[in-house]
Structure formats: C-alpha cells, structure tokens
Amino acid sequence: MYIYNVTINIDDTVHKEWLSWISSKITQVLDTGKFTSAKLTEVLVEEEMGGKTYSVQYTTPNKETLDAYYKENAANLQAEGLQKFGAKMLTFRTELRVVQEFFPISHSN
C-alpha cells in the first residue's frame, strides 16, 4: 500500500475559502478511482511564514496505480489550485510506502 501525501501551507487571508475548496478537490481526486481513501489533517506547528498547514493523505494499493494518477490526472488537478490560490498556497508532495501496519491487541477477560 502507498500513501500519496500532499502538505499545504495556506495563507490566513484565504484559509476559509481554501478549506471549502479542498474538500471538493479531495472528492475529485477520489473520483479518479485511483485511491481507496483520503484523510485531511491539520499539521500542528506554528510556521515562521504564518498561515496554516495541512496534510492530505491519499491511500492507493500499489505504485502502478499512483504512477497512473501522475500520468493521467495530477497535472490538471494541481493546476486548478495554482490558478485559484497562487502564491498564497505552498505545497510539497511525498510518496510513502507502508511497510507494516500495527493494531492494538484485544485482551479478553
């Protein structure tokens, strides 16, 4: 399993508008059929540059599916954010490969 992580710092002046926009954007990315789930999280740090920082984590079953997203969908979806928010939105992307998942062990009495 792979996680496609997009970290975004958004300027305070457009923060509320961006929050509404990103929800619909996540739905559009999921609608490509290339991801099984997504999480929107707030990064709990104070940035020197100001603004608020978020992470969107998209889960996909394999690297081939992620590569297909890059080839077929990513450019158009990323361009919309650049056009709408420009320099008020800074992003960077990270690919993560899940090595192992751990879950708590249930103890019955």
N, C-alpha and C. Protein backbone atom coordinates (compact mmCIF):
# COMPACT_ATOMS: atom_id res chain seq x y z
N MET A 1 0.85 -1.17 0.00
CA MET A 1 0.00 0.00 0.00
C MET A 1 0.90 1.24 0.00
N TYR A 2 0.44 2.27 -0.68
CA TYR A 2 1.17 3.53 -0.76
C TYR A 2 0.29 4.68 -0.27
N ILE A 3 0.94 5.68 0.26
CA ILE A 3 0.27 6.91 0.66
C ILE A 3 0.89 8.05 -0.14
N TYR A 4 0.04 8.76 -0.83
CA TYR A 4 0.44 9.97 -1.55
C TYR A 4 0.08 11.12 -0.63
N ASN A 5 1.09 11.78 -0.08
CA ASN A 5 0.89 12.83 0.91
C ASN A 5 1.15 14.19 0.28
N VAL A 6 0.19 15.08 0.41
CA VAL A 6 0.35 16.46 -0.07
C VAL A 6 0.28 17.36 1.16
N THR A 7 1.36 18.09 1.41
CA THR A 7 1.41 19.03 2.53
C THR A 7 1.23 20.43 1.97
N ILE A 8 0.33 21.19 2.58
CA ILE A 8 -0.05 22.50 2.07
C ILE A 8 0.02 23.53 3.18
N ASN A 9 0.68 24.65 2.91
CA ASN A 9 0.60 25.81 3.80
C ASN A 9 -0.27 26.83 3.07
N ILE A 10 -1.32 27.28 3.77
CA ILE A 10 -2.27 28.20 3.15
C ILE A 10 -2.30 29.51 3.93
N ASP A 11 -2.25 30.60 3.23
CA ASP A 11 -2.24 31.94 3.82
C ASP A 11 -3.54 32.19 4.58
N ASP A 12 -3.43 32.88 5.71
CA ASP A 12 -4.61 33.17 6.54
C ASP A 12 -5.70 33.91 5.77
N THR A 13 -5.32 34.73 4.79
CA THR A 13 -6.30 35.56 4.08
C THR A 13 -7.25 34.74 3.21
N VAL A 14 -6.87 33.51 2.87
CA VAL A 14 -7.72 32.67 2.03
C VAL A 14 -8.04 31.33 2.70
N HIS A 15 -7.74 31.22 3.98
CA HIS A 15 -7.86 29.95 4.69
C HIS A 15 -9.27 29.37 4.62
N LYS A 16 -10.29 30.15 4.93
CA LYS A 16 -11.67 29.63 4.94
C LYS A 16 -12.10 29.20 3.54
N GLU A 17 -11.77 30.01 2.55
CA GLU A 17 -12.11 29.65 1.17
C GLU A 17 -11.41 28.36 0.76
N TRP A 18 -10.14 28.24 1.14
CA TRP A 18 -9.35 27.05 0.79
C TRP A 18 -9.95 25.80 1.44
N LEU A 19 -10.36 25.88 2.70
CA LEU A 19 -10.94 24.73 3.38
C LEU A 19 -12.17 24.20 2.64
N SER A 20 -13.01 25.09 2.18
CA SER A 20 -14.17 24.66 1.39
C SER A 20 -13.73 24.03 0.07
N TRP A 21 -12.78 24.67 -0.57
CA TRP A 21 -12.30 24.20 -1.87
C TRP A 21 -11.63 22.83 -1.76
N ILE A 22 -10.80 22.63 -0.74
CA ILE A 22 -10.02 21.38 -0.65
C ILE A 22 -10.94 20.18 -0.45
N SER A 23 -12.06 20.35 0.22
CA SER A 23 -12.99 19.23 0.40
C SER A 23 -13.50 18.73 -0.95
N SER A 24 -13.86 19.66 -1.83
CA SER A 24 -14.34 19.24 -3.15
C SER A 24 -13.18 18.68 -3.98
N LYS A 25 -11.99 19.22 -3.79
CA LYS A 25 -10.81 18.73 -4.52
C LYS A 25 -10.48 17.30 -4.12
N ILE A 26 -10.56 16.99 -2.83
CA ILE A 26 -10.29 15.62 -2.37
C ILE A 26 -11.30 14.66 -3.00
N THR A 27 -12.55 15.06 -3.06
CA THR A 27 -13.58 14.24 -3.71
C THR A 27 -13.24 14.00 -5.17
N GLN A 28 -12.77 15.04 -5.87
CA GLN A 28 -12.38 14.89 -7.28
C GLN A 28 -11.23 13.89 -7.43
N VAL A 29 -10.25 13.96 -6.54
CA VAL A 29 -9.12 13.03 -6.60
C VAL A 29 -9.60 11.61 -6.36
N LEU A 30 -10.47 11.42 -5.37
CA LEU A 30 -11.01 10.08 -5.10
C LEU A 30 -11.83 9.57 -6.29
N ASP A 31 -12.52 10.49 -6.96
CA ASP A 31 -13.34 10.11 -8.11
C ASP A 31 -12.51 9.62 -9.30
N THR A 32 -11.20 9.80 -9.28
CA THR A 32 -10.36 9.24 -10.35
C THR A 32 -10.33 7.71 -10.27
N GLY A 33 -10.74 7.16 -9.12
CA GLY A 33 -10.72 5.71 -8.94
C GLY A 33 -9.36 5.14 -8.59
N LYS A 34 -8.39 6.01 -8.36
CA LYS A 34 -7.03 5.54 -8.12
C LYS A 34 -6.65 5.47 -6.64
N PHE A 35 -7.54 5.96 -5.78
CA PHE A 35 -7.27 5.95 -4.34
C PHE A 35 -8.44 5.33 -3.60
N THR A 36 -8.13 4.63 -2.51
CA THR A 36 -9.17 3.95 -1.74
C THR A 36 -9.69 4.79 -0.59
N SER A 37 -8.93 5.79 -0.16
CA SER A 37 -9.37 6.66 0.93
C SER A 37 -8.50 7.91 0.96
N ALA A 38 -8.95 8.88 1.74
CA ALA A 38 -8.17 10.12 1.93
C ALA A 38 -8.43 10.65 3.32
N LYS A 39 -7.43 11.31 3.89
CA LYS A 39 -7.55 11.97 5.18
C LYS A 39 -7.04 13.40 5.03
N LEU A 40 -7.78 14.34 5.58
CA LEU A 40 -7.32 15.73 5.66
C LEU A 40 -6.97 15.97 7.11
N THR A 41 -5.71 16.34 7.36
CA THR A 41 -5.26 16.59 8.72
C THR A 41 -4.63 17.97 8.82
N GLU A 42 -4.75 18.58 9.98
CA GLU A 42 -4.07 19.84 10.25
C GLU A 42 -2.73 19.52 10.89
N VAL A 43 -1.67 20.12 10.39
CA VAL A 43 -0.34 19.94 10.96
C VAL A 43 -0.22 20.94 12.11
N LEU A 44 0.04 20.43 13.30
CA LEU A 44 0.01 21.27 14.50
C LEU A 44 1.38 21.87 14.78
N VAL A 45 1.77 22.81 13.92
CA VAL A 45 3.02 23.55 14.09
C VAL A 45 2.72 25.02 13.82
N GLU A 46 3.52 25.88 14.40
CA GLU A 46 3.44 27.30 14.07
C GLU A 46 4.52 27.58 13.05
N GLU A 47 4.10 28.01 11.89
CA GLU A 47 5.02 28.28 10.79
C GLU A 47 5.58 29.69 10.93
N GLU A 48 6.89 29.83 10.72
CA GLU A 48 7.51 31.16 10.72
C GLU A 48 6.88 32.06 9.67
N MET A 49 6.49 31.46 8.54
CA MET A 49 5.92 32.24 7.44
C MET A 49 4.44 32.55 7.67
N GLY A 50 3.87 32.00 8.75
CA GLY A 50 2.46 32.23 9.04
C GLY A 50 1.59 31.23 8.31
N GLY A 51 0.29 31.49 8.32
CA GLY A 51 -0.65 30.60 7.67
C GLY A 51 -0.90 29.34 8.47
N LYS A 52 -1.67 28.45 7.88
CA LYS A 52 -1.96 27.16 8.50
C LYS A 52 -1.46 26.08 7.56
N THR A 53 -1.05 24.97 8.15
CA THR A 53 -0.51 23.87 7.36
C THR A 53 -1.39 22.64 7.52
N TYR A 54 -1.64 21.99 6.39
CA TYR A 54 -2.47 20.79 6.35
C TYR A 54 -1.74 19.70 5.58
N SER A 55 -2.19 18.48 5.80
CA SER A 55 -1.70 17.33 5.04
C SER A 55 -2.91 16.56 4.53
N VAL A 56 -2.87 16.22 3.24
CA VAL A 56 -3.89 15.33 2.69
C VAL A 56 -3.18 14.03 2.34
N GLN A 57 -3.69 12.93 2.89
CA GLN A 57 -3.07 11.63 2.67
C GLN A 57 -4.03 10.74 1.89
N TYR A 58 -3.63 10.41 0.68
CA TYR A 58 -4.42 9.54 -0.20
C TYR A 58 -3.80 8.15 -0.20
N THR A 59 -4.61 7.13 0.03
CA THR A 59 -4.13 5.75 0.07
C THR A 59 -4.44 5.07 -1.26
N THR A 60 -3.43 4.36 -1.77
CA THR A 60 -3.59 3.63 -3.03
C THR A 60 -2.94 2.25 -2.88
N PRO A 61 -3.44 1.24 -3.58
CA PRO A 61 -2.94 -0.12 -3.35
C PRO A 61 -1.52 -0.39 -3.83
N ASN A 62 -1.05 0.32 -4.86
CA ASN A 62 0.27 -0.02 -5.40
C ASN A 62 0.88 1.18 -6.14
N LYS A 63 2.16 1.05 -6.43
CA LYS A 63 2.91 2.11 -7.10
C LYS A 63 2.41 2.35 -8.53
N GLU A 64 1.98 1.30 -9.20
CA GLU A 64 1.50 1.43 -10.57
C GLU A 64 0.26 2.32 -10.64
N THR A 65 -0.63 2.17 -9.67
CA THR A 65 -1.83 3.00 -9.63
C THR A 65 -1.47 4.45 -9.35
N LEU A 66 -0.51 4.66 -8.46
CA LEU A 66 -0.06 6.03 -8.17
C LEU A 66 0.58 6.64 -9.40
N ASP A 67 1.40 5.87 -10.10
CA ASP A 67 2.02 6.37 -11.34
C ASP A 67 0.97 6.71 -12.39
N ALA A 68 -0.09 5.92 -12.47
CA ALA A 68 -1.18 6.21 -13.41
C ALA A 68 -1.87 7.52 -13.03
N TYR A 69 -2.02 7.78 -11.74
CA TYR A 69 -2.60 9.06 -11.30
C TYR A 69 -1.72 10.22 -11.79
N TYR A 70 -0.41 10.10 -11.58
CA TYR A 70 0.50 11.16 -12.05
C TYR A 70 0.34 11.39 -13.55
N LYS A 71 0.30 10.31 -14.30
CA LYS A 71 0.28 10.40 -15.76
C LYS A 71 -1.07 10.93 -16.28
N GLU A 72 -2.17 10.49 -15.67
CA GLU A 72 -3.49 10.76 -16.23
C GLU A 72 -4.25 11.90 -15.57
N ASN A 73 -3.95 12.23 -14.31
CA ASN A 73 -4.81 13.15 -13.58
C ASN A 73 -4.12 14.30 -12.87
N ALA A 74 -2.93 14.09 -12.38
CA ALA A 74 -2.30 15.03 -11.45
C ALA A 74 -2.16 16.45 -11.99
N ALA A 75 -1.67 16.59 -13.20
CA ALA A 75 -1.39 17.94 -13.73
C ALA A 75 -2.63 18.82 -13.74
N ASN A 76 -3.75 18.30 -14.24
CA ASN A 76 -4.97 19.10 -14.30
C ASN A 76 -5.49 19.46 -12.92
N LEU A 77 -5.45 18.49 -12.00
CA LEU A 77 -5.96 18.74 -10.65
C LEU A 77 -5.07 19.73 -9.90
N GLN A 78 -3.76 19.64 -10.07
CA GLN A 78 -2.84 20.56 -9.39
C GLN A 78 -2.92 21.96 -9.97
N ALA A 79 -3.16 22.07 -11.27
CA ALA A 79 -3.22 23.38 -11.92
C ALA A 79 -4.35 24.23 -11.36
N GLU A 80 -5.47 23.62 -11.02
CA GLU A 80 -6.61 24.36 -10.50
C GLU A 80 -6.24 25.09 -9.20
N GLY A 81 -5.53 24.42 -8.31
CA GLY A 81 -5.11 25.04 -7.05
C GLY A 81 -4.15 26.20 -7.28
N LEU A 82 -3.23 26.02 -8.20
CA LEU A 82 -2.28 27.09 -8.53
C LEU A 82 -3.01 28.31 -9.09
N GLN A 83 -3.95 28.04 -9.96
CA GLN A 83 -4.70 29.13 -10.59
C GLN A 83 -5.54 29.88 -9.55
N LYS A 84 -6.17 29.14 -8.65
CA LYS A 84 -7.09 29.73 -7.69
C LYS A 84 -6.38 30.45 -6.55
N PHE A 85 -5.27 29.87 -6.04
CA PHE A 85 -4.64 30.43 -4.83
C PHE A 85 -3.23 30.96 -5.05
N GLY A 86 -2.60 30.62 -6.16
CA GLY A 86 -1.28 31.15 -6.50
C GLY A 86 -0.28 31.05 -5.36
N ALA A 87 0.40 32.15 -5.09
CA ALA A 87 1.46 32.19 -4.08
C ALA A 87 0.92 32.12 -2.65
N LYS A 88 -0.39 32.15 -2.47
CA LYS A 88 -0.96 32.05 -1.13
C LYS A 88 -1.05 30.60 -0.66
N MET A 89 -0.66 29.67 -1.53
CA MET A 89 -0.68 28.25 -1.22
C MET A 89 0.65 27.63 -1.62
N LEU A 90 1.37 27.10 -0.66
CA LEU A 90 2.63 26.41 -0.93
C LEU A 90 2.42 24.93 -0.68
N THR A 91 2.86 24.08 -1.59
CA THR A 91 2.65 22.63 -1.44
C THR A 91 3.94 21.87 -1.68
N PHE A 92 4.03 20.71 -1.05
CA PHE A 92 5.03 19.73 -1.45
C PHE A 92 4.43 18.35 -1.27
N ARG A 93 4.92 17.43 -2.08
CA ARG A 93 4.34 16.10 -2.14
C ARG A 93 5.37 15.04 -1.75
N THR A 94 4.87 14.00 -1.08
CA THR A 94 5.71 12.91 -0.62
C THR A 94 5.01 11.60 -0.91
N GLU A 95 5.77 10.61 -1.37
CA GLU A 95 5.25 9.26 -1.52
C GLU A 95 5.74 8.42 -0.34
N LEU A 96 4.81 7.68 0.24
CA LEU A 96 5.15 6.80 1.36
C LEU A 96 4.72 5.38 1.01
N ARG A 97 5.57 4.42 1.30
CA ARG A 97 5.21 3.01 1.12
C ARG A 97 4.99 2.42 2.50
N VAL A 98 3.82 1.85 2.72
CA VAL A 98 3.51 1.25 4.01
C VAL A 98 4.29 -0.06 4.12
N VAL A 99 5.14 -0.15 5.12
CA VAL A 99 5.96 -1.34 5.33
C VAL A 99 5.18 -2.36 6.17
N GLN A 100 4.53 -1.87 7.22
CA GLN A 100 3.77 -2.76 8.09
C GLN A 100 2.78 -1.92 8.88
N GLU A 101 1.61 -2.46 9.11
CA GLU A 101 0.62 -1.79 9.94
C GLU A 101 0.49 -2.53 11.26
N PHE A 102 0.25 -1.79 12.31
CA PHE A 102 0.10 -2.37 13.64
C PHE A 102 -1.24 -1.94 14.22
N PHE A 103 -1.87 -2.85 14.91
CA PHE A 103 -3.14 -2.58 15.56
C PHE A 103 -3.07 -3.09 17.00
N PRO A 104 -3.81 -2.47 17.90
CA PRO A 104 -3.78 -2.94 19.28
C PRO A 104 -4.35 -4.35 19.39
N ILE A 105 -3.80 -5.10 20.31
CA ILE A 105 -4.29 -6.46 20.54
C ILE A 105 -5.43 -6.37 21.54
N SER A 106 -6.52 -6.99 21.20
CA SER A 106 -7.68 -7.00 22.07
C SER A 106 -7.47 -8.04 23.16
N HIS A 107 -7.61 -7.62 24.41
CA HIS A 107 -7.47 -8.53 25.54
C HIS A 107 -8.83 -8.85 26.13
N SER A 108 -9.22 -10.09 26.11
CA SER A 108 -10.49 -10.51 26.68
C SER A 108 -10.25 -11.07 28.07
N ASN A 109 -11.18 -10.79 28.97
CA ASN A 109 -11.05 -11.33 30.35
C ASN A 109 -11.74 -12.64 30.48
